Amino acid sequence: MTQKSNLPRIPDSVDSERLQAMQFVAKMKESAERCGVGFIGGFIDPNGEKFVMTNLDDQDDINRFMPESLQ
């Protein structure tokens, strides 16, 4: 029997530039958490796909502080 993982599935063929950008956003989020501040960060890659990370729990806060370009 196979146990389902709660971890996100990451494709094997992620573009290395996209992966580096994702790692950079993750490091910024970790820094914000160490300082005890809220964080919303992300990017839009050249083909229009969005990547966003946040440490905010309240959806209203996320909606209020999320840049329109990342919504």
N, C-alpha and C. Protein backbone atom coordinates (compact mmCIF):
# COMPACT_ATOMS: atom_id res chain seq x y z
N MET A 1 0.85 -1.18 0.00
CA MET A 1 0.00 0.00 0.00
C MET A 1 0.89 1.24 0.00
N THR A 2 0.58 2.18 -0.84
CA THR A 2 1.35 3.42 -0.95
C THR A 2 0.68 4.51 -0.14
N GLN A 3 1.49 5.21 0.66
CA GLN A 3 0.96 6.31 1.46
C GLN A 3 1.07 7.61 0.66
N LYS A 4 -0.01 8.38 0.63
CA LYS A 4 0.01 9.65 -0.09
C LYS A 4 0.78 10.68 0.71
N SER A 5 1.59 11.46 0.04
CA SER A 5 2.41 12.48 0.68
C SER A 5 1.66 13.81 0.69
N ASN A 6 1.87 14.59 1.75
CA ASN A 6 1.31 15.93 1.83
C ASN A 6 2.22 16.96 1.18
N LEU A 7 3.37 16.53 0.69
CA LEU A 7 4.31 17.44 0.05
C LEU A 7 3.86 17.77 -1.36
N PRO A 8 4.13 19.00 -1.83
CA PRO A 8 3.74 19.33 -3.20
C PRO A 8 4.56 18.52 -4.20
N ARG A 9 3.96 18.23 -5.33
CA ARG A 9 4.67 17.51 -6.39
C ARG A 9 5.48 18.53 -7.19
N ILE A 10 6.75 18.26 -7.34
CA ILE A 10 7.64 19.14 -8.11
C ILE A 10 8.08 18.37 -9.34
N PRO A 11 7.77 18.89 -10.52
CA PRO A 11 8.16 18.18 -11.74
C PRO A 11 9.67 18.05 -11.85
N ASP A 12 10.11 16.98 -12.48
CA ASP A 12 11.54 16.74 -12.67
C ASP A 12 12.16 17.75 -13.63
N SER A 13 11.36 18.35 -14.45
CA SER A 13 11.90 19.21 -15.49
C SER A 13 11.68 20.70 -15.21
N VAL A 14 11.80 21.11 -13.96
CA VAL A 14 11.66 22.53 -13.63
C VAL A 14 12.87 23.28 -14.19
N ASP A 15 12.60 24.36 -14.90
CA ASP A 15 13.65 25.20 -15.46
C ASP A 15 14.56 25.67 -14.33
N SER A 16 15.87 25.59 -14.52
CA SER A 16 16.81 25.93 -13.46
C SER A 16 16.69 27.40 -13.02
N GLU A 17 16.39 28.31 -13.96
CA GLU A 17 16.21 29.72 -13.59
C GLU A 17 14.97 29.89 -12.72
N ARG A 18 13.90 29.19 -13.06
CA ARG A 18 12.66 29.25 -12.26
C ARG A 18 12.92 28.66 -10.88
N LEU A 19 13.64 27.56 -10.82
CA LEU A 19 13.95 26.93 -9.54
C LEU A 19 14.79 27.87 -8.67
N GLN A 20 15.75 28.54 -9.25
CA GLN A 20 16.57 29.49 -8.50
C GLN A 20 15.72 30.65 -7.98
N ALA A 21 14.79 31.13 -8.80
CA ALA A 21 13.91 32.21 -8.37
C ALA A 21 13.00 31.74 -7.23
N MET A 22 12.51 30.51 -7.30
CA MET A 22 11.68 29.94 -6.24
C MET A 22 12.48 29.82 -4.95
N GLN A 23 13.73 29.38 -5.05
CA GLN A 23 14.58 29.27 -3.87
C GLN A 23 14.85 30.64 -3.26
N PHE A 24 15.03 31.66 -4.09
CA PHE A 24 15.27 33.02 -3.61
C PHE A 24 14.06 33.53 -2.82
N VAL A 25 12.86 33.32 -3.35
CA VAL A 25 11.65 33.75 -2.66
C VAL A 25 11.52 32.99 -1.34
N ALA A 26 11.84 31.70 -1.33
CA ALA A 26 11.77 30.91 -0.10
C ALA A 26 12.76 31.44 0.95
N LYS A 27 13.94 31.84 0.52
CA LYS A 27 14.92 32.40 1.45
C LYS A 27 14.44 33.73 2.02
N MET A 28 13.80 34.55 1.19
CA MET A 28 13.25 35.82 1.69
C MET A 28 12.16 35.55 2.74
N LYS A 29 11.32 34.56 2.47
CA LYS A 29 10.25 34.19 3.42
C LYS A 29 10.86 33.73 4.74
N GLU A 30 11.90 32.89 4.68
CA GLU A 30 12.57 32.42 5.89
C GLU A 30 13.16 33.58 6.69
N SER A 31 13.75 34.54 6.00
CA SER A 31 14.31 35.72 6.67
C SER A 31 13.23 36.52 7.37
N ALA A 32 12.10 36.69 6.70
CA ALA A 32 10.98 37.42 7.31
C ALA A 32 10.49 36.70 8.56
N GLU A 33 10.40 35.37 8.49
CA GLU A 33 9.95 34.60 9.64
C GLU A 33 10.92 34.73 10.81
N ARG A 34 12.22 34.73 10.53
CA ARG A 34 13.21 34.90 11.60
C ARG A 34 13.06 36.26 12.27
N CYS A 35 12.67 37.27 11.50
CA CYS A 35 12.50 38.62 12.04
C CYS A 35 11.10 38.84 12.62
N GLY A 36 10.22 37.87 12.45
CA GLY A 36 8.87 37.97 12.99
C GLY A 36 7.96 38.93 12.24
N VAL A 37 8.19 39.06 10.94
CA VAL A 37 7.36 39.96 10.13
C VAL A 37 6.60 39.17 9.07
N GLY A 38 5.51 39.77 8.61
CA GLY A 38 4.72 39.15 7.55
C GLY A 38 5.45 39.23 6.22
N PHE A 39 5.12 38.29 5.34
CA PHE A 39 5.80 38.23 4.05
C PHE A 39 4.85 37.74 2.98
N ILE A 40 4.86 38.43 1.86
CA ILE A 40 4.25 37.96 0.61
C ILE A 40 5.26 38.27 -0.47
N GLY A 41 5.66 37.27 -1.21
CA GLY A 41 6.62 37.48 -2.28
C GLY A 41 6.37 36.51 -3.41
N GLY A 42 6.86 36.85 -4.56
CA GLY A 42 6.69 35.96 -5.69
C GLY A 42 7.22 36.59 -6.96
N PHE A 43 6.90 35.93 -8.06
CA PHE A 43 7.33 36.42 -9.36
C PHE A 43 6.42 35.86 -10.43
N ILE A 44 6.50 36.46 -11.59
CA ILE A 44 5.79 35.97 -12.78
C ILE A 44 6.87 35.64 -13.80
N ASP A 45 6.91 34.37 -14.21
CA ASP A 45 7.96 34.00 -15.16
C ASP A 45 7.59 34.45 -16.58
N PRO A 46 8.53 34.38 -17.52
CA PRO A 46 8.29 34.91 -18.87
C PRO A 46 7.07 34.32 -19.58
N ASN A 47 6.67 33.10 -19.24
CA ASN A 47 5.49 32.54 -19.90
C ASN A 47 4.20 32.83 -19.14
N GLY A 48 4.28 33.73 -18.11
CA GLY A 48 3.09 34.20 -17.41
C GLY A 48 2.69 33.40 -16.18
N GLU A 49 3.41 32.34 -15.86
CA GLU A 49 3.08 31.54 -14.70
C GLU A 49 3.52 32.25 -13.43
N LYS A 50 2.62 32.29 -12.43
CA LYS A 50 2.89 33.00 -11.19
C LYS A 50 3.36 32.04 -10.10
N PHE A 51 4.25 32.53 -9.24
CA PHE A 51 4.72 31.78 -8.07
C PHE A 51 4.65 32.73 -6.89
N VAL A 52 3.95 32.33 -5.82
CA VAL A 52 3.77 33.18 -4.65
C VAL A 52 3.99 32.36 -3.39
N MET A 53 4.67 32.98 -2.41
CA MET A 53 4.82 32.38 -1.08
C MET A 53 4.44 33.44 -0.05
N THR A 54 3.85 33.00 1.05
CA THR A 54 3.50 33.91 2.13
C THR A 54 3.58 33.19 3.46
N ASN A 55 3.75 33.96 4.53
CA ASN A 55 3.67 33.37 5.86
C ASN A 55 2.46 33.92 6.60
N LEU A 56 1.58 34.61 5.89
CA LEU A 56 0.36 35.13 6.48
C LEU A 56 -0.71 34.04 6.49
N ASP A 57 -1.47 33.98 7.57
CA ASP A 57 -2.53 32.97 7.68
C ASP A 57 -3.90 33.50 7.29
N ASP A 58 -4.13 34.77 7.54
CA ASP A 58 -5.44 35.36 7.31
C ASP A 58 -5.62 35.71 5.84
N GLN A 59 -6.60 35.11 5.20
CA GLN A 59 -6.83 35.34 3.77
C GLN A 59 -7.14 36.80 3.49
N ASP A 60 -7.81 37.49 4.42
CA ASP A 60 -8.08 38.92 4.23
C ASP A 60 -6.78 39.72 4.17
N ASP A 61 -5.82 39.38 5.04
CA ASP A 61 -4.51 40.05 5.01
C ASP A 61 -3.80 39.77 3.69
N ILE A 62 -3.86 38.53 3.26
CA ILE A 62 -3.20 38.16 2.00
C ILE A 62 -3.80 38.96 0.86
N ASN A 63 -5.13 39.04 0.81
CA ASN A 63 -5.79 39.77 -0.27
C ASN A 63 -5.48 41.26 -0.21
N ARG A 64 -5.36 41.81 0.99
CA ARG A 64 -5.10 43.24 1.16
C ARG A 64 -3.67 43.61 0.76
N PHE A 65 -2.70 42.76 1.09
CA PHE A 65 -1.30 43.09 0.87
C PHE A 65 -0.70 42.52 -0.42
N MET A 66 -1.39 41.59 -1.04
CA MET A 66 -0.89 40.96 -2.28
C MET A 66 -0.87 41.98 -3.41
N PRO A 67 0.28 42.16 -4.07
CA PRO A 67 0.32 43.06 -5.23
C PRO A 67 -0.66 42.59 -6.31
N GLU A 68 -1.31 43.55 -6.94
CA GLU A 68 -2.30 43.19 -7.97
C GLU A 68 -1.70 42.31 -9.06
N SER A 69 -0.43 42.52 -9.37
CA SER A 69 0.19 41.74 -10.45
C SER A 69 0.31 40.26 -10.10
N LEU A 70 0.29 39.93 -8.79
CA LEU A 70 0.42 38.52 -8.39
C LEU A 70 -0.92 37.88 -8.04
N GLN A 71 -2.00 38.65 -8.06
CA GLN A 71 -3.32 38.09 -7.73
C GLN A 71 -3.89 37.30 -8.86
